[in-house]
Amino acid sequence: MKEFGIHGSYEGIFIIVICSKWCSSCKLFAPVLKKLKDKGFIKFIEIDIDENINLVREFNINAVPALLFFKNGKLLNKNIEINGEIFVNKGVMIGSFGEKILKEIIEKI
C-alpha cells in the first residue's frame, strides 16, 4: 500500500475507499463502514477520486464508491462471490452495499 502513498498498519483487513464529496451513494455508505470500523472488523481510509487520479487509473475505477480490499498489506488476489454473484473482483468492489453483504465479504477474505 506504500506504493499508493498510504502509510500505517497493514495487519488484518484494510480497505481503501475511493469516494467523492459529490457522491450521494458514498455519503449513504460511509456510516456502514464506520460502524464496522468501530466494531473492529476493518480499518479503512477514504480517498477522494478527484485527488488521487493515479490510483483510480491503476485500478480502472469508473464509478464510486469503490473499495480496494487488502489483507496484511497485499491487495486481495481473488474474487468473492455471494449467492452466485461476484461482489469483489481481484480485490476491487464497485458500488455500495449494506452491512450484511459487507460482513459476508469480510468473512470470506
PDB file of N, CA and C in Angstrom:
ATOM      1  N   MET A   1       0.817  -1.183   0.000  1.00  0.00           N
ATOM      2  CA  MET A   1       0.000   0.000   0.000  1.00  0.00           C
ATOM      3  C   MET A   1       0.864   1.251   0.000  1.00  0.00           C
ATOM      4  N   LYS A   2       2.121   1.088   0.352  1.00  0.00           N
ATOM      5  CA  LYS A   2       3.017   2.235   0.323  1.00  0.00           C
ATOM      6  C   LYS A   2       3.128   2.813  -1.079  1.00  0.00           C
ATOM      7  N   GLU A   3       3.010   1.940  -2.085  1.00  0.00           N
ATOM      8  CA  GLU A   3       3.099   2.422  -3.477  1.00  0.00           C
ATOM      9  C   GLU A   3       1.952   3.366  -3.844  1.00  0.00           C
ATOM     10  N   PHE A   4       0.913   3.390  -3.015  1.00  0.00           N
ATOM     11  CA  PHE A   4      -0.218   4.291  -3.258  1.00  0.00           C
ATOM     12  C   PHE A   4      -0.201   5.484  -2.304  1.00  0.00           C
ATOM     13  N   GLY A   5       0.918   5.652  -1.574  1.00  0.00           N
ATOM     14  CA  GLY A   5       1.039   6.775  -0.669  1.00  0.00           C
ATOM     15  C   GLY A   5       0.293   6.591   0.640  1.00  0.00           C
ATOM     16  N   ILE A   6       0.006   5.344   1.006  1.00  0.00           N
ATOM     17  CA  ILE A   6      -0.746   5.059   2.218  1.00  0.00           C
ATOM     18  C   ILE A   6       0.189   4.391   3.216  1.00  0.00           C
ATOM     19  N   HIS A   7       0.334   5.027   4.360  1.00  0.00           N
ATOM     20  CA  HIS A   7       1.243   4.533   5.382  1.00  0.00           C
ATOM     21  C   HIS A   7       0.453   4.208   6.634  1.00  0.00           C
ATOM     22  N   GLY A   8       0.916   3.221   7.363  1.00  0.00           N
ATOM     23  CA  GLY A   8       0.249   2.841   8.604  1.00  0.00           C
ATOM     24  C   GLY A   8       0.300   1.348   8.792  1.00  0.00           C
ATOM     25  N   SER A   9      -0.555   0.865   9.672  1.00  0.00           N
ATOM     26  CA  SER A   9      -0.605  -0.559   9.991  1.00  0.00           C
ATOM     27  C   SER A   9      -1.293  -1.332   8.867  1.00  0.00           C
ATOM     28  N   TYR A  10      -0.649  -2.389   8.425  1.00  0.00           N
ATOM     29  CA  TYR A  10      -1.192  -3.182   7.324  1.00  0.00           C
ATOM     30  C   TYR A  10      -1.704  -4.536   7.775  1.00  0.00           C
ATOM     31  N   GLU A  11      -1.675  -4.804   9.056  1.00  0.00           N
ATOM     32  CA  GLU A  11      -2.131  -6.100   9.549  1.00  0.00           C
ATOM     33  C   GLU A  11      -3.646  -6.215   9.433  1.00  0.00           C
ATOM     34  N   GLY A  12      -4.097  -7.411   9.116  1.00  0.00           N
ATOM     35  CA  GLY A  12      -5.534  -7.652   9.029  1.00  0.00           C
ATOM     36  C   GLY A  12      -6.127  -7.100   7.747  1.00  0.00           C
ATOM     37  N   ILE A  13      -7.411  -6.801   7.810  1.00  0.00           N
ATOM     38  CA  ILE A  13      -8.141  -6.329   6.637  1.00  0.00           C
ATOM     39  C   ILE A  13      -8.119  -4.804   6.618  1.00  0.00           C
ATOM     40  N   PHE A  14      -7.667  -4.269   5.499  1.00  0.00           N
ATOM     41  CA  PHE A  14      -7.592  -2.825   5.302  1.00  0.00           C
ATOM     42  C   PHE A  14      -8.280  -2.518   3.979  1.00  0.00           C
ATOM     43  N   ILE A  15      -9.092  -1.475   3.986  1.00  0.00           N
ATOM     44  CA  ILE A  15      -9.838  -1.123   2.773  1.00  0.00           C
ATOM     45  C   ILE A  15      -9.522   0.312   2.373  1.00  0.00           C
ATOM     46  N   ILE A  16      -9.195   0.494   1.114  1.00  0.00           N
ATOM     47  CA  ILE A  16      -9.119   1.837   0.550  1.00  0.00           C
ATOM     48  C   ILE A  16     -10.482   2.102  -0.074  1.00  0.00           C
ATOM     49  N   VAL A  17     -11.139   3.146   0.401  1.00  0.00           N
ATOM     50  CA  VAL A  17     -12.447   3.528  -0.102  1.00  0.00           C
ATOM     51  C   VAL A  17     -12.258   4.721  -1.026  1.00  0.00           C
ATOM     52  N   ILE A  18     -12.521   4.513  -2.305  1.00  0.00           N
ATOM     53  CA  ILE A  18     -12.441   5.606  -3.260  1.00  0.00           C
ATOM     54  C   ILE A  18     -13.841   6.190  -3.372  1.00  0.00           C
ATOM     55  N   CYS A  19     -13.943   7.462  -3.028  1.00  0.00           N
ATOM     56  CA  CYS A  19     -15.254   8.096  -2.962  1.00  0.00           C
ATOM     57  C   CYS A  19     -15.149   9.526  -3.488  1.00  0.00           C
ATOM     58  N   SER A  20     -16.221  10.263  -3.321  1.00  0.00           N
ATOM     59  CA  SER A  20     -16.240  11.648  -3.746  1.00  0.00           C
ATOM     60  C   SER A  20     -17.172  12.451  -2.857  1.00  0.00           C
ATOM     61  N   LYS A  21     -16.851  13.712  -2.699  1.00  0.00           N
ATOM     62  CA  LYS A  21     -17.683  14.605  -1.887  1.00  0.00           C
ATOM     63  C   LYS A  21     -19.060  14.808  -2.500  1.00  0.00           C
ATOM     64  N   TRP A  22     -19.173  14.661  -3.808  1.00  0.00           N
ATOM     65  CA  TRP A  22     -20.444  14.897  -4.511  1.00  0.00           C
ATOM     66  C   TRP A  22     -21.293  13.639  -4.668  1.00  0.00           C
ATOM     67  N   CYS A  23     -20.816  12.502  -4.211  1.00  0.00           N
ATOM     68  CA  CYS A  23     -21.495  11.217  -4.430  1.00  0.00           C
ATOM     69  C   CYS A  23     -22.470  10.897  -3.294  1.00  0.00           C
ATOM     70  N   SER A  24     -23.750  10.827  -3.613  1.00  0.00           N
ATOM     71  CA  SER A  24     -24.748  10.528  -2.579  1.00  0.00           C
ATOM     72  C   SER A  24     -24.636   9.084  -2.084  1.00  0.00           C
ATOM     73  N   SER A  25     -24.295   8.145  -2.948  1.00  0.00           N
ATOM     74  CA  SER A  25     -24.108   6.751  -2.520  1.00  0.00           C
ATOM     75  C   SER A  25     -22.948   6.639  -1.530  1.00  0.00           C
ATOM     76  N   CYS A  26     -21.900   7.415  -1.760  1.00  0.00           N
ATOM     77  CA  CYS A  26     -20.751   7.409  -0.852  1.00  0.00           C
ATOM     78  C   CYS A  26     -21.162   7.904   0.529  1.00  0.00           C
ATOM     79  N   LYS A  27     -21.980   8.946   0.555  1.00  0.00           N
ATOM     80  CA  LYS A  27     -22.436   9.512   1.828  1.00  0.00           C
ATOM     81  C   LYS A  27     -23.321   8.523   2.578  1.00  0.00           C
ATOM     82  N   LEU A  28     -24.139   7.771   1.860  1.00  0.00           N
ATOM     83  CA  LEU A  28     -25.006   6.779   2.497  1.00  0.00           C
ATOM     84  C   LEU A  28     -24.213   5.563   2.995  1.00  0.00           C
ATOM     85  N   PHE A  29     -23.134   5.231   2.303  1.00  0.00           N
ATOM     86  CA  PHE A  29     -22.325   4.063   2.616  1.00  0.00           C
ATOM     87  C   PHE A  29     -21.352   4.322   3.777  1.00  0.00           C
ATOM     88  N   ALA A  30     -20.967   5.572   3.979  1.00  0.00           N
ATOM     89  CA  ALA A  30     -19.972   5.926   4.999  1.00  0.00           C
ATOM     90  C   ALA A  30     -20.331   5.425   6.404  1.00  0.00           C
ATOM     91  N   PRO A  31     -21.595   5.556   6.859  1.00  0.00           N
ATOM     92  CA  PRO A  31     -21.923   5.054   8.201  1.00  0.00           C
ATOM     93  C   PRO A  31     -21.764   3.534   8.350  1.00  0.00           C
ATOM     94  N   VAL A  32     -21.988   2.790   7.286  1.00  0.00           N
ATOM     95  CA  VAL A  32     -21.814   1.328   7.328  1.00  0.00           C
ATOM     96  C   VAL A  32     -20.342   1.008   7.574  1.00  0.00           C
ATOM     97  N   LEU A  33     -19.454   1.679   6.837  1.00  0.00           N
ATOM     98  CA  LEU A  33     -18.025   1.456   7.019  1.00  0.00           C
ATOM     99  C   LEU A  33     -17.571   1.866   8.420  1.00  0.00           C
ATOM    100  N   LYS A  34     -18.043   3.011   8.878  1.00  0.00           N
ATOM    101  CA  LYS A  34     -17.666   3.493  10.206  1.00  0.00           C
ATOM    102  C   LYS A  34     -18.113   2.514  11.293  1.00  0.00           C
ATOM    103  N   LYS A  35     -19.310   1.984  11.156  1.00  0.00           N
ATOM    104  CA  LYS A  35     -19.824   1.030  12.142  1.00  0.00           C
ATOM    105  C   LYS A  35     -18.941  -0.214  12.211  1.00  0.00           C
ATOM    106  N   LEU A  36     -18.544  -0.739  11.045  1.00  0.00           N
ATOM    107  CA  LEU A  36     -17.688  -1.930  11.021  1.00  0.00           C
ATOM    108  C   LEU A  36     -16.290  -1.617  11.554  1.00  0.00           C
ATOM    109  N   LYS A  37     -15.826  -0.404  11.297  1.00  0.00           N
ATOM    110  CA  LYS A  37     -14.526   0.014  11.836  1.00  0.00           C
ATOM    111  C   LYS A  37     -14.605   0.113  13.356  1.00  0.00           C
ATOM    112  N   ASP A  38     -15.658   0.734  13.865  1.00  0.00           N
ATOM    113  CA  ASP A  38     -15.821   0.889  15.307  1.00  0.00           C
ATOM    114  C   ASP A  38     -15.933  -0.456  16.026  1.00  0.00           C
ATOM    115  N   LYS A  39     -16.484  -1.464  15.339  1.00  0.00           N
ATOM    116  CA  LYS A  39     -16.605  -2.804  15.918  1.00  0.00           C
ATOM    117  C   LYS A  39     -15.314  -3.614  15.773  1.00  0.00           C
ATOM    118  N   GLY A  40     -14.315  -3.066  15.091  1.00  0.00           N
ATOM    119  CA  GLY A  40     -13.025  -3.733  14.952  1.00  0.00           C
ATOM    120  C   GLY A  40     -12.927  -4.716  13.801  1.00  0.00           C
ATOM    121  N   PHE A  41     -13.906  -4.728  12.894  1.00  0.00           N
ATOM    122  CA  PHE A  41     -13.861  -5.655  11.756  1.00  0.00           C
ATOM    123  C   PHE A  41     -12.846  -5.228  10.693  1.00  0.00           C
ATOM    124  N   ILE A  42     -12.718  -3.911  10.490  1.00  0.00           N
ATOM    125  CA  ILE A  42     -11.885  -3.398   9.405  1.00  0.00           C
ATOM    126  C   ILE A  42     -11.165  -2.125   9.821  1.00  0.00           C
ATOM    127  N   LYS A  43     -10.163  -1.788   9.019  1.00  0.00           N
ATOM    128  CA  LYS A  43      -9.545  -0.463   9.036  1.00  0.00           C
ATOM    129  C   LYS A  43      -9.721   0.054   7.620  1.00  0.00           C
ATOM    130  N   PHE A  44      -9.926   1.357   7.494  1.00  0.00           N
ATOM    131  CA  PHE A  44     -10.050   1.892   6.144  1.00  0.00           C
ATOM    132  C   PHE A  44      -9.598   3.340   6.084  1.00  0.00           C
ATOM    133  N   ILE A  45      -9.338   3.762   4.868  1.00  0.00           N
ATOM    134  CA  ILE A  45      -9.021   5.158   4.577  1.00  0.00           C
ATOM    135  C   ILE A  45      -9.849   5.560   3.370  1.00  0.00           C
ATOM    136  N   GLU A  46     -10.370   6.768   3.404  1.00  0.00           N
ATOM    137  CA  GLU A  46     -11.129   7.287   2.268  1.00  0.00           C
ATOM    138  C   GLU A  46     -10.223   8.160   1.414  1.00  0.00           C
ATOM    139  N   ILE A  47     -10.307   7.968   0.115  1.00  0.00           N
ATOM    140  CA  ILE A  47      -9.548   8.767  -0.836  1.00  0.00           C
ATOM    141  C   ILE A  47     -10.517   9.337  -1.849  1.00  0.00           C
ATOM    142  N   ASP A  48     -10.474  10.643  -2.030  1.00  0.00           N
ATOM    143  CA  ASP A  48     -11.343  11.306  -2.995  1.00  0.00           C
ATOM    144  C   ASP A  48     -10.873  10.980  -4.410  1.00  0.00           C
ATOM    145  N   ILE A  49     -11.804  10.578  -5.252  1.00  0.00           N
ATOM    146  CA  ILE A  49     -11.484  10.180  -6.630  1.00  0.00           C
ATOM    147  C   ILE A  49     -10.770  11.298  -7.397  1.00  0.00           C
ATOM    148  N   ASP A  50     -11.101  12.536  -7.064  1.00  0.00           N
ATOM    149  CA  ASP A  50     -10.508  13.673  -7.764  1.00  0.00           C
ATOM    150  C   ASP A  50      -9.108  14.003  -7.275  1.00  0.00           C
ATOM    151  N   GLU A  51      -8.706  13.454  -6.132  1.00  0.00           N
ATOM    152  CA  GLU A  51      -7.414  13.802  -5.537  1.00  0.00           C
ATOM    153  C   GLU A  51      -6.332  12.746  -5.743  1.00  0.00           C
ATOM    154  N   ASN A  52      -6.668  11.589  -6.260  1.00  0.00           N
ATOM    155  CA  ASN A  52      -5.660  10.551  -6.491  1.00  0.00           C
ATOM    156  C   ASN A  52      -5.951   9.840  -7.802  1.00  0.00           C
ATOM    157  N   ILE A  53      -5.794  10.553  -8.879  1.00  0.00           N
ATOM    158  CA  ILE A  53      -6.119  10.033 -10.209  1.00  0.00           C
ATOM    159  C   ILE A  53      -5.240   8.832 -10.584  1.00  0.00           C
ATOM    160  N   ASN A  54      -4.000   8.787 -10.070  1.00  0.00           N
ATOM    161  CA  ASN A  54      -3.129   7.647 -10.391  1.00  0.00           C
ATOM    162  C   ASN A  54      -3.680   6.340  -9.836  1.00  0.00           C
ATOM    163  N   LEU A  55      -4.187   6.375  -8.619  1.00  0.00           N
ATOM    164  CA  LEU A  55      -4.790   5.189  -8.011  1.00  0.00           C
ATOM    165  C   LEU A  55      -6.027   4.767  -8.795  1.00  0.00           C
ATOM    166  N   VAL A  56      -6.825   5.740  -9.185  1.00  0.00           N
ATOM    167  CA  VAL A  56      -8.046   5.478  -9.949  1.00  0.00           C
ATOM    168  C   VAL A  56      -7.703   4.824 -11.287  1.00  0.00           C
ATOM    169  N   ARG A  57      -6.709   5.333 -11.949  1.00  0.00           N
ATOM    170  CA  ARG A  57      -6.295   4.759 -13.246  1.00  0.00           C
ATOM    171  C   ARG A  57      -5.709   3.366 -13.086  1.00  0.00           C
ATOM    172  N   GLU A  58      -4.870   3.200 -12.066  1.00  0.00           N
ATOM    173  CA  GLU A  58      -4.220   1.906 -11.827  1.00  0.00           C
ATOM    174  C   GLU A  58      -5.239   0.775 -11.696  1.00  0.00           C
ATOM    175  N   PHE A  59      -6.366   1.055 -11.034  1.00  0.00           N
ATOM    176  CA  PHE A  59      -7.370   0.021 -10.790  1.00  0.00           C
ATOM    177  C   PHE A  59      -8.589   0.152 -11.701  1.00  0.00           C
ATOM    178  N   ASN A  60      -8.492   1.028 -12.684  1.00  0.00           N
ATOM    179  CA  ASN A  60      -9.558   1.189 -13.683  1.00  0.00           C
ATOM    180  C   ASN A  60     -10.921   1.455 -13.018  1.00  0.00           C
ATOM    181  N   ILE A  61     -10.908   2.354 -12.036  1.00  0.00           N
ATOM    182  CA  ILE A  61     -12.120   2.709 -11.310  1.00  0.00           C
ATOM    183  C   ILE A  61     -12.925   3.685 -12.165  1.00  0.00           C
ATOM    184  N   ASN A  62     -14.175   3.326 -12.440  1.00  0.00           N
ATOM    185  CA  ASN A  62     -15.017   4.192 -13.265  1.00  0.00           C
ATOM    186  C   ASN A  62     -16.310   4.595 -12.571  1.00  0.00           C
ATOM    187  N   ALA A  63     -16.438   4.247 -11.290  1.00  0.00           N
ATOM    188  CA  ALA A  63     -17.621   4.619 -10.514  1.00  0.00           C
ATOM    189  C   ALA A  63     -17.247   4.628  -9.035  1.00  0.00           C
ATOM    190  N   VAL A  64     -17.993   5.388  -8.266  1.00  0.00           N
ATOM    191  CA  VAL A  64     -17.770   5.438  -6.827  1.00  0.00           C
ATOM    192  C   VAL A  64     -19.071   5.153  -6.099  1.00  0.00           C
ATOM    193  N   PRO A  65     -19.015   4.605  -4.901  1.00  0.00           N
ATOM    194  CA  PRO A  65     -17.796   4.249  -4.194  1.00  0.00           C
ATOM    195  C   PRO A  65     -17.165   2.983  -4.769  1.00  0.00           C
ATOM    196  N   ALA A  66     -15.876   2.894  -4.598  1.00  0.00           N
ATOM    197  CA  ALA A  66     -15.128   1.699  -4.979  1.00  0.00           C
ATOM    198  C   ALA A  66     -14.272   1.310  -3.775  1.00  0.00           C
ATOM    199  N   LEU A  67     -14.201   0.036  -3.493  1.00  0.00           N
ATOM    200  CA  LEU A  67     -13.431  -0.449  -2.355  1.00  0.00           C
ATOM    201  C   LEU A  67     -12.321  -1.362  -2.853  1.00  0.00           C
ATOM    202  N   LEU A  68     -11.111  -1.121  -2.350  1.00  0.00           N
ATOM    203  CA  LEU A  68      -9.963  -1.974  -2.631  1.00  0.00           C
ATOM    204  C   LEU A  68      -9.645  -2.713  -1.339  1.00  0.00           C
ATOM    205  N   PHE A  69      -9.746  -4.026  -1.369  1.00  0.00           N
ATOM    206  CA  PHE A  69      -9.566  -4.854  -0.176  1.00  0.00           C
ATOM    207  C   PHE A  69      -8.128  -5.370  -0.095  1.00  0.00           C
ATOM    208  N   PHE A  70      -7.499  -5.106   1.045  1.00  0.00           N
ATOM    209  CA  PHE A  70      -6.149  -5.579   1.311  1.00  0.00           C
ATOM    210  C   PHE A  70      -6.179  -6.489   2.523  1.00  0.00           C
ATOM    211  N   LYS A  71      -5.318  -7.500   2.498  1.00  0.00           N
ATOM    212  CA  LYS A  71      -5.134  -8.364   3.668  1.00  0.00           C
ATOM    213  C   LYS A  71      -3.644  -8.414   3.951  1.00  0.00           C
ATOM    214  N   ASN A  72      -3.289  -7.994   5.161  1.00  0.00           N
ATOM    215  CA  ASN A  72      -1.886  -7.936   5.587  1.00  0.00           C
ATOM    216  C   ASN A  72      -1.009  -7.203   4.579  1.00  0.00           C
ATOM    217  N   GLY A  73      -1.517  -6.085   4.064  1.00  0.00           N
ATOM    218  CA  GLY A  73      -0.741  -5.207   3.194  1.00  0.00           C
ATOM    219  C   GLY A  73      -0.745  -5.557   1.725  1.00  0.00           C
ATOM    220  N   LYS A  74      -1.419  -6.625   1.332  1.00  0.00           N
ATOM    221  CA  LYS A  74      -1.442  -7.031  -0.074  1.00  0.00           C
ATOM    222  C   LYS A  74      -2.870  -6.992  -0.611  1.00  0.00           C
ATOM    223  N   LEU A  75      -2.994  -6.479  -1.824  1.00  0.00           N
ATOM    224  CA  LEU A  75      -4.298  -6.451  -2.469  1.00  0.00           C
ATOM    225  C   LEU A  75      -4.816  -7.870  -2.601  1.00  0.00           C
ATOM    226  N   LEU A  76      -6.051  -8.062  -2.225  1.00  0.00           N
ATOM    227  CA  LEU A  76      -6.680  -9.374  -2.322  1.00  0.00           C
ATOM    228  C   LEU A  76      -6.625  -9.856  -3.763  1.00  0.00           C
ATOM    229  N   ASN A  77      -6.130 -11.067  -3.961  1.00  0.00           N
ATOM    230  CA  ASN A  77      -5.966 -11.582  -5.311  1.00  0.00           C
ATOM    231  C   ASN A  77      -6.951 -12.716  -5.581  1.00  0.00           C
ATOM    232  N   LYS A  78      -8.210 -12.457  -5.240  1.00  0.00           N
ATOM    233  CA  LYS A  78      -9.240 -13.451  -5.510  1.00  0.00           C
ATOM    234  C   LYS A  78     -10.577 -12.750  -5.660  1.00  0.00           C
ATOM    235  N   ASN A  79     -11.508 -13.471  -6.221  1.00  0.00           N
ATOM    236  CA  ASN A  79     -12.872 -12.965  -6.326  1.00  0.00           C
ATOM    237  C   ASN A  79     -13.663 -13.447  -5.116  1.00  0.00           C
ATOM    238  N   ILE A  80     -14.620 -12.632  -4.703  1.00  0.00           N
ATOM    239  CA  ILE A  80     -15.505 -13.033  -3.615  1.00  0.00           C
ATOM    240  C   ILE A  80     -16.924 -13.051  -4.157  1.00  0.00           C
ATOM    241  N   GLU A  81     -17.529 -14.216  -4.020  1.00  0.00           N
ATOM    242  CA  GLU A  81     -18.862 -14.462  -4.554  1.00  0.00           C
ATOM    243  C   GLU A  81     -19.837 -14.681  -3.397  1.00  0.00           C
ATOM    244  N   ILE A  82     -21.013 -14.104  -3.540  1.00  0.00           N
ATOM    245  CA  ILE A  82     -22.091 -14.312  -2.562  1.00  0.00           C
ATOM    246  C   ILE A  82     -23.348 -14.649  -3.348  1.00  0.00           C
ATOM    247  N   ASN A  83     -23.947 -15.771  -3.011  1.00  0.00           N
ATOM    248  CA  ASN A  83     -25.165 -16.233  -3.692  1.00  0.00           C
ATOM    249  C   ASN A  83     -25.011 -16.263  -5.214  1.00  0.00           C
ATOM    250  N   GLY A  84     -23.856 -16.719  -5.674  1.00  0.00           N
ATOM    251  CA  GLY A  84     -23.632 -16.873  -7.106  1.00  0.00           C
ATOM    252  C   GLY A  84     -23.258 -15.596  -7.842  1.00  0.00           C
ATOM    253  N   GLU A  85     -23.120 -14.487  -7.137  1.00  0.00           N
ATOM    254  CA  GLU A  85     -22.769 -13.210  -7.779  1.00  0.00           C
ATOM    255  C   GLU A  85     -21.416 -12.741  -7.262  1.00  0.00           C
ATOM    256  N   ILE A  86     -20.535 -12.328  -8.176  1.00  0.00           N
ATOM    257  CA  ILE A  86     -19.225 -11.828  -7.789  1.00  0.00           C
ATOM    258  C   ILE A  86     -19.380 -10.378  -7.323  1.00  0.00           C
ATOM    259  N   PHE A  87     -19.018 -10.137  -6.067  1.00  0.00           N
ATOM    260  CA  PHE A  87     -19.071  -8.795  -5.494  1.00  0.00           C
ATOM    261  C   PHE A  87     -17.698  -8.132  -5.516  1.00  0.00           C
ATOM    262  N   VAL A  88     -16.650  -8.946  -5.326  1.00  0.00           N
ATOM    263  CA  VAL A  88     -15.289  -8.433  -5.311  1.00  0.00           C
ATOM    264  C   VAL A  88     -14.515  -9.156  -6.403  1.00  0.00           C
ATOM    265  N   ASN A  89     -13.950  -8.378  -7.323  1.00  0.00           N
ATOM    266  CA  ASN A  89     -13.215  -8.919  -8.453  1.00  0.00           C
ATOM    267  C   ASN A  89     -11.742  -8.571  -8.289  1.00  0.00           C
ATOM    268  N   LYS A  90     -10.932  -9.571  -7.923  1.00  0.00           N
ATOM    269  CA  LYS A  90      -9.490  -9.382  -7.711  1.00  0.00           C
ATOM    270  C   LYS A  90      -9.220  -8.237  -6.740  1.00  0.00           C
ATOM    271  N   GLY A  91      -9.978  -8.206  -5.648  1.00  0.00           N
ATOM    272  CA  GLY A  91      -9.753  -7.227  -4.601  1.00  0.00           C
ATOM    273  C   GLY A  91     -10.492  -5.912  -4.759  1.00  0.00           C
ATOM    274  N   VAL A  92     -11.255  -5.749  -5.846  1.00  0.00           N
ATOM    275  CA  VAL A  92     -11.941  -4.481  -6.115  1.00  0.00           C
ATOM    276  C   VAL A  92     -13.450  -4.688  -6.131  1.00  0.00           C
ATOM    277  N   MET A  93     -14.149  -3.816  -5.409  1.00  0.00           N
ATOM    278  CA  MET A  93     -15.603  -3.833  -5.409  1.00  0.00           C
ATOM    279  C   MET A  93     -16.105  -2.444  -5.787  1.00  0.00           C
ATOM    280  N   ILE A  94     -16.993  -2.390  -6.748  1.00  0.00           N
ATOM    281  CA  ILE A  94     -17.596  -1.132  -7.166  1.00  0.00           C
ATOM    282  C   ILE A  94     -19.025  -1.092  -6.644  1.00  0.00           C
ATOM    283  N   GLY A  95     -19.391   0.017  -6.016  1.00  0.00           N
ATOM    284  CA  GLY A  95     -20.755   0.189  -5.536  1.00  0.00           C
ATOM    285  C   GLY A  95     -20.846   0.062  -4.031  1.00  0.00           C
ATOM    286  N   SER A  96     -21.978   0.480  -3.494  1.00  0.00           N
ATOM    287  CA  SER A  96     -22.182   0.410  -2.049  1.00  0.00           C
ATOM    288  C   SER A  96     -23.218  -0.663  -1.729  1.00  0.00           C
ATOM    289  N   PHE A  97     -23.001  -1.327  -0.616  1.00  0.00           N
ATOM    290  CA  PHE A  97     -23.881  -2.388  -0.189  1.00  0.00           C
ATOM    291  C   PHE A  97     -24.122  -2.249   1.297  1.00  0.00           C
ATOM    292  N   GLY A  98     -25.079  -2.956   1.801  1.00  0.00           N
ATOM    293  CA  GLY A  98     -25.422  -2.894   3.213  1.00  0.00           C
ATOM    294  C   GLY A  98     -24.412  -3.607   4.089  1.00  0.00           C
ATOM    295  N   GLU A  99     -24.628  -3.456   5.380  1.00  0.00           N
ATOM    296  CA  GLU A  99     -23.731  -4.039   6.372  1.00  0.00           C
ATOM    297  C   GLU A  99     -23.657  -5.555   6.252  1.00  0.00           C
ATOM    298  N   LYS A 100     -24.780  -6.205   5.993  1.00  0.00           N
ATOM    299  CA  LYS A 100     -24.811  -7.670   5.903  1.00  0.00           C
ATOM    300  C   LYS A 100     -23.900  -8.182   4.790  1.00  0.00           C
ATOM    301  N   ILE A 101     -23.999  -7.596   3.607  1.00  0.00           N
ATOM    302  CA  ILE A 101     -23.162  -8.023   2.473  1.00  0.00           C
ATOM    303  C   ILE A 101     -21.697  -7.744   2.773  1.00  0.00           C
ATOM    304  N   LEU A 102     -21.408  -6.566   3.309  1.00  0.00           N
ATOM    305  CA  LEU A 102     -20.022  -6.232   3.598  1.00  0.00           C
ATOM    306  C   LEU A 102     -19.434  -7.174   4.646  1.00  0.00           C
ATOM    307  N   LYS A 103     -20.208  -7.548   5.648  1.00  0.00           N
ATOM    308  CA  LYS A 103     -19.730  -8.526   6.643  1.00  0.00           C
ATOM    309  C   LYS A 103     -19.447  -9.877   5.994  1.00  0.00           C
ATOM    310  N   GLU A 104     -20.314 -10.298   5.085  1.00  0.00           N
ATOM    311  CA  GLU A 104     -20.087 -11.578   4.393  1.00  0.00           C
ATOM    312  C   GLU A 104     -18.813 -11.529   3.574  1.00  0.00           C
ATOM    313  N   ILE A 105     -18.569 -10.411   2.918  1.00  0.00           N
ATOM    314  CA  ILE A 105     -17.339 -10.244   2.139  1.00  0.00           C
ATOM    315  C   ILE A 105     -16.136 -10.340   3.064  1.00  0.00           C
ATOM    316  N   ILE A 106     -16.181  -9.630   4.173  1.00  0.00           N
ATOM    317  CA  ILE A 106     -15.067  -9.630   5.119  1.00  0.00           C
ATOM    318  C   ILE A 106     -14.801 -11.036   5.657  1.00  0.00           C
ATOM    319  N   GLU A 107     -15.859 -11.787   5.934  1.00  0.00           N
ATOM    320  CA  GLU A 107     -15.689 -13.164   6.423  1.00  0.00           C
ATOM    321  C   GLU A 107     -15.004 -14.059   5.392  1.00  0.00           C
ATOM    322  N   LYS A 108     -15.181 -13.757   4.109  1.00  0.00           N
ATOM    323  CA  LYS A 108     -14.591 -14.597   3.062  1.00  0.00           C
ATOM    324  C   LYS A 108     -13.168 -14.185   2.695  1.00  0.00           C
ATOM    325  N   ILE A 109     -12.731 -13.085   3.254  1.00  0.00           N
ATOM    326  CA  ILE A 109     -11.351 -12.639   2.971  1.00  0.00           C
ATOM    327  C   ILE A 109     -10.436 -13.510   3.723  1.00  0.00           C
TER     328      ILE A 109
END
